[in-house]
Amino acid sequence: MLRRTVAGFLGLPILSLLLLAGCDTVDSPVSPSSETLTLESITSSASANAVPGLLRTTSAPSPSGGPVIAVVGNQTVVNGGTMVATVNAVSRFNTIYVLVGARSAALAAEAQGGIGGHYEIRLPTTETSVPVLLTFPQSIPLTEFELLFAVADPSGAVGPFTALATTVTPVGTGDVQVTLSWDVDSDVDLHVVEPNGEELYYGRPRSGSGGELDLDSNAGCVIDHVRNENITWPIGRAPRGSYSVRVDYWDSCGVPRTNFTVRINSGTVQIVSGFFTGLGDHGVAGSGRIVATFERLIGPTAVNFSDPLGFRTPWGGLLHKGEKMPAAGR
């Protein structure tokens, strides 16, 4: 018998990959091959403990004997999504620097700071562990990039930069985009209920209005390490009305805790974070916890919907966990 899942909406993750790397400098010049790239075109924002990072157009400061850090974060992101990277240090710090390294732009192999600018996050108190929330634009010009992190102590001494290699998994955007990211290899499911009550999730990956779950990760604990899901509607297809977003802990896959972040882009942006503990519930339609609602004031009228049996494939069977929706016309 499965135990009930415990879910919370406080705190941000300690994520799954530990990387330690020291870099001697971060002020190498940008080569002509990266002149069209900007920091915001790759990473839209950076914040920590609800403190927004300041976008600086100058080079990040060079290391000067400050705290050495470890960075823990998911190595896969989606366009229009989020990632939380936790910065850990033995000694206390109150400033975090985030930038995109030169390897992202295929510059010199050991060069750093290839993309102009950096984020500077000034914390109100000194810390030894801080989750940094990164958001990404709906169009990312690179398929992979390298994020660099460093911290400064209260005296201003900056530590060595630590790299987190990141790969982009492309997903749909459109009128409405809802993304889910999480930090460990568990099975977490994204559900969105349309204004007419039709529910998009792994068991109904396409709706009558054109909504689609186009990325489903770690299905049935078949671990792919992507840890992102995405639901979107094509331009002009998302119905007007009220939507609700749920997150379900389908299976812990053996991990003690999962931290997640949901981002909703429906013209305005909402970001919600929370966590799960327990074994999971093997949820179906209607499962999970409501994490957000949003209203769409434009779009086609939602059509009436009623299907208590759930999504059916073209041959009449139900779509089960881990199965893929067949291509249109099959």
Foldseek 3Di string as FASTA:
>chain_A
DFDDKDKWFDDFDQFDDKFFDFAQFAQDEADPLCPVDAFCLFWVWKAWPPFTWDKDQATDDGAFPFWGWIKHWQQEDEAQAKIKIKIATPDWFFKKKKGWFLVQSVDPPRHGNNHGIITITGHPDIDGMIIMMIGHHNDHPGQKTKMWMWTGHPVGGIHGIIIRIHGYDYDDQAQKKKKKAKGDQFFKWKWKAAQQRDIDIQQHQADPLAKGWPDGACWVVPHPSNRMTMIYHHYQRRAFFKMWMFMFRLARSPDAKMKMWMWMPNVDIDITIMMMGGGTDNDDPPDGDTGDMDGGPDHHHDDHDDDVVTDAAPVGHTRHTPDDHDDPPD
